[in-house]
N, C-alpha and C. Protein backbone atom coordinates (compact mmCIF):
# COMPACT_ATOMS: atom_id res chain seq x y z
N MET A 1 17.50 -15.35 -3.08
CA MET A 1 16.24 -14.63 -3.20
C MET A 1 15.94 -14.48 -4.69
N SER A 2 14.73 -14.86 -5.07
CA SER A 2 14.36 -14.76 -6.48
C SER A 2 13.99 -13.32 -6.83
N GLU A 3 13.92 -13.06 -8.11
CA GLU A 3 13.57 -11.71 -8.57
C GLU A 3 12.14 -11.35 -8.16
N ALA A 4 11.24 -12.32 -8.16
CA ALA A 4 9.85 -12.07 -7.76
C ALA A 4 9.78 -11.70 -6.28
N GLU A 5 10.56 -12.39 -5.45
CA GLU A 5 10.59 -12.07 -4.03
C GLU A 5 11.17 -10.68 -3.79
N ARG A 6 12.21 -10.34 -4.54
CA ARG A 6 12.82 -9.02 -4.39
C ARG A 6 11.84 -7.93 -4.81
N ASP A 7 11.12 -8.15 -5.91
CA ASP A 7 10.13 -7.18 -6.37
C ASP A 7 9.01 -7.00 -5.36
N ALA A 8 8.56 -8.11 -4.77
CA ALA A 8 7.50 -8.04 -3.76
C ALA A 8 8.00 -7.27 -2.53
N GLY A 9 9.22 -7.52 -2.13
CA GLY A 9 9.80 -6.79 -1.00
C GLY A 9 9.93 -5.31 -1.29
N ASN A 10 10.36 -4.99 -2.49
CA ASN A 10 10.49 -3.57 -2.88
C ASN A 10 9.13 -2.88 -2.86
N ARG A 11 8.09 -3.56 -3.34
CA ARG A 11 6.74 -2.97 -3.32
C ARG A 11 6.28 -2.72 -1.88
N LYS A 12 6.59 -3.64 -0.99
CA LYS A 12 6.19 -3.48 0.41
C LYS A 12 6.92 -2.30 1.06
N VAL A 13 8.21 -2.16 0.75
CA VAL A 13 8.98 -1.03 1.30
C VAL A 13 8.43 0.29 0.77
N LYS A 14 8.15 0.33 -0.53
CA LYS A 14 7.59 1.56 -1.12
C LYS A 14 6.23 1.89 -0.51
N ALA A 15 5.37 0.89 -0.37
CA ALA A 15 4.05 1.13 0.21
C ALA A 15 4.17 1.60 1.66
N GLY A 16 5.08 1.01 2.42
CA GLY A 16 5.29 1.43 3.80
C GLY A 16 5.79 2.85 3.89
N PHE A 17 6.68 3.22 2.99
CA PHE A 17 7.22 4.58 3.00
C PHE A 17 6.13 5.58 2.64
N VAL A 18 5.33 5.27 1.61
CA VAL A 18 4.22 6.16 1.23
C VAL A 18 3.25 6.29 2.39
N LEU A 19 2.93 5.20 3.05
CA LEU A 19 2.03 5.23 4.20
C LEU A 19 2.58 6.09 5.33
N LEU A 20 3.87 5.93 5.62
CA LEU A 20 4.50 6.72 6.67
C LEU A 20 4.42 8.22 6.37
N VAL A 21 4.73 8.60 5.14
CA VAL A 21 4.68 10.01 4.77
C VAL A 21 3.23 10.49 4.72
N ALA A 22 2.32 9.64 4.27
CA ALA A 22 0.92 10.05 4.13
C ALA A 22 0.23 10.33 5.46
N VAL A 23 0.57 9.57 6.50
CA VAL A 23 -0.11 9.78 7.78
C VAL A 23 0.52 10.88 8.62
N SER A 24 1.69 11.34 8.25
CA SER A 24 2.35 12.38 9.03
C SER A 24 1.58 13.71 9.05
N PRO A 25 1.16 14.26 7.90
CA PRO A 25 0.44 15.54 7.95
C PRO A 25 -0.86 15.49 8.77
N PRO A 26 -1.69 14.44 8.64
CA PRO A 26 -2.90 14.41 9.49
C PRO A 26 -2.57 14.34 10.99
N LEU A 27 -1.53 13.59 11.33
CA LEU A 27 -1.16 13.51 12.75
C LEU A 27 -0.68 14.85 13.27
N ILE A 28 0.05 15.59 12.45
CA ILE A 28 0.49 16.92 12.85
C ILE A 28 -0.71 17.86 12.93
N ALA A 29 -1.65 17.73 11.99
CA ALA A 29 -2.84 18.59 11.97
C ALA A 29 -3.72 18.38 13.20
N LEU A 30 -3.67 17.21 13.80
CA LEU A 30 -4.49 16.94 14.98
C LEU A 30 -4.17 17.88 16.15
N GLN A 31 -3.02 18.53 16.11
CA GLN A 31 -2.66 19.46 17.18
C GLN A 31 -3.54 20.71 17.18
N TRP A 32 -4.17 21.01 16.04
CA TRP A 32 -4.96 22.24 15.91
C TRP A 32 -6.46 21.97 15.76
N ASN A 33 -6.92 20.82 16.22
CA ASN A 33 -8.35 20.46 16.16
C ASN A 33 -8.95 20.68 14.78
N PRO A 34 -8.48 19.94 13.78
CA PRO A 34 -8.98 20.13 12.42
C PRO A 34 -10.36 19.53 12.23
N THR A 35 -11.04 20.00 11.19
CA THR A 35 -12.32 19.39 10.81
C THR A 35 -11.99 18.09 10.05
N PRO A 36 -12.98 17.23 9.89
CA PRO A 36 -12.73 16.01 9.11
C PRO A 36 -12.27 16.30 7.67
N VAL A 37 -12.79 17.36 7.09
CA VAL A 37 -12.37 17.72 5.73
C VAL A 37 -10.89 18.12 5.72
N GLU A 38 -10.47 18.87 6.71
CA GLU A 38 -9.07 19.27 6.80
C GLU A 38 -8.16 18.05 7.00
N LEU A 39 -8.62 17.08 7.76
CA LEU A 39 -7.84 15.86 7.93
C LEU A 39 -7.71 15.10 6.62
N LEU A 40 -8.80 15.04 5.86
CA LEU A 40 -8.75 14.36 4.56
C LEU A 40 -7.82 15.09 3.59
N VAL A 41 -7.85 16.41 3.62
CA VAL A 41 -6.95 17.19 2.76
C VAL A 41 -5.51 16.93 3.16
N ALA A 42 -5.24 16.92 4.47
CA ALA A 42 -3.89 16.65 4.94
C ALA A 42 -3.44 15.25 4.53
N LEU A 43 -4.34 14.28 4.60
CA LEU A 43 -4.02 12.92 4.18
C LEU A 43 -3.74 12.88 2.68
N GLY A 44 -4.54 13.57 1.89
CA GLY A 44 -4.32 13.60 0.45
C GLY A 44 -2.99 14.24 0.08
N VAL A 45 -2.68 15.35 0.74
CA VAL A 45 -1.40 16.01 0.50
C VAL A 45 -0.24 15.10 0.90
N GLY A 46 -0.37 14.44 2.04
CA GLY A 46 0.67 13.51 2.47
C GLY A 46 0.85 12.35 1.51
N LEU A 47 -0.27 11.85 0.99
CA LEU A 47 -0.20 10.76 0.02
C LEU A 47 0.53 11.21 -1.24
N LEU A 48 0.20 12.39 -1.73
CA LEU A 48 0.88 12.92 -2.91
C LEU A 48 2.37 13.13 -2.65
N LEU A 49 2.70 13.66 -1.48
CA LEU A 49 4.11 13.85 -1.14
C LEU A 49 4.84 12.51 -1.04
N GLY A 50 4.20 11.53 -0.44
CA GLY A 50 4.80 10.20 -0.33
C GLY A 50 5.06 9.58 -1.69
N LEU A 51 4.08 9.69 -2.59
CA LEU A 51 4.26 9.16 -3.94
C LEU A 51 5.37 9.89 -4.68
N LEU A 52 5.43 11.20 -4.50
CA LEU A 52 6.47 12.00 -5.15
C LEU A 52 7.86 11.60 -4.64
N VAL A 53 7.99 11.42 -3.34
CA VAL A 53 9.29 11.04 -2.78
C VAL A 53 9.70 9.65 -3.25
N VAL A 54 8.77 8.70 -3.28
CA VAL A 54 9.09 7.34 -3.73
C VAL A 54 9.46 7.37 -5.22
N TRP A 55 8.75 8.15 -6.01
CA TRP A 55 9.08 8.27 -7.44
C TRP A 55 10.49 8.83 -7.60
N TYR A 56 10.79 9.90 -6.85
CA TYR A 56 12.10 10.53 -6.95
C TYR A 56 13.21 9.57 -6.52
N LEU A 57 13.02 8.88 -5.41
CA LEU A 57 14.03 7.95 -4.94
C LEU A 57 14.22 6.79 -5.92
N GLY A 58 13.14 6.34 -6.53
CA GLY A 58 13.24 5.28 -7.54
C GLY A 58 14.03 5.75 -8.75
N ARG A 59 13.77 6.97 -9.15
CA ARG A 59 14.52 7.53 -10.28
C ARG A 59 16.00 7.71 -9.93
N LEU A 60 16.24 8.17 -8.72
CA LEU A 60 17.62 8.36 -8.27
C LEU A 60 18.35 7.02 -8.18
N SER A 61 17.69 6.00 -7.67
CA SER A 61 18.34 4.70 -7.55
C SER A 61 18.59 4.08 -8.92
N ALA A 62 17.75 4.38 -9.89
CA ALA A 62 17.97 3.87 -11.24
C ALA A 62 19.27 4.41 -11.82
N GLU A 63 19.61 5.64 -11.48
CA GLU A 63 20.88 6.22 -11.94
C GLU A 63 22.05 5.43 -11.37
N PHE A 64 21.96 5.04 -10.11
CA PHE A 64 23.05 4.28 -9.50
C PHE A 64 23.13 2.87 -10.07
N ARG A 65 21.98 2.27 -10.32
CA ARG A 65 21.98 0.91 -10.88
C ARG A 65 22.55 0.88 -12.28
N GLU A 66 22.29 1.90 -13.06
CA GLU A 66 22.78 1.95 -14.43
C GLU A 66 24.24 2.37 -14.50
N GLY A 67 24.78 2.88 -13.40
CA GLY A 67 26.17 3.26 -13.37
C GLY A 67 26.45 4.59 -14.04
N ARG A 68 25.41 5.37 -14.27
CA ARG A 68 25.63 6.68 -14.87
C ARG A 68 26.21 7.61 -13.84
N ARG A 69 27.00 8.54 -14.30
CA ARG A 69 27.57 9.55 -13.42
C ARG A 69 27.05 10.91 -13.83
N ARG A 70 26.96 11.79 -12.84
CA ARG A 70 26.53 13.16 -13.12
C ARG A 70 27.64 13.90 -13.84
N PRO A 71 27.26 14.80 -14.73
CA PRO A 71 28.29 15.61 -15.38
C PRO A 71 29.01 16.48 -14.35
N PRO A 72 30.29 16.80 -14.60
CA PRO A 72 31.02 17.66 -13.66
C PRO A 72 30.35 19.00 -13.50
N GLY A 73 30.40 19.52 -12.30
CA GLY A 73 29.83 20.84 -12.04
C GLY A 73 28.40 20.82 -11.56
N ARG A 74 27.75 19.66 -11.59
CA ARG A 74 26.37 19.57 -11.09
C ARG A 74 26.41 19.00 -9.70
N GLY A 75 25.78 19.70 -8.75
CA GLY A 75 25.83 19.27 -7.36
C GLY A 75 24.67 18.53 -7.00
């Protein structure tokens, strides 16, 4: 697998994860008969949460790839 193929695959996984997290809040909100504006807000919040989680996981995985270790005493 070439580096370009791996990068493309990683982008697809990240986009899928953001999409999964982004659609969850609106689907949950549908239980309470939301207005269209409330659905859009829920989608926006889910999108932000999805991006935040992907950013965090990317940062966390970079620590493993670089081989850095956490200082003792940090959980």
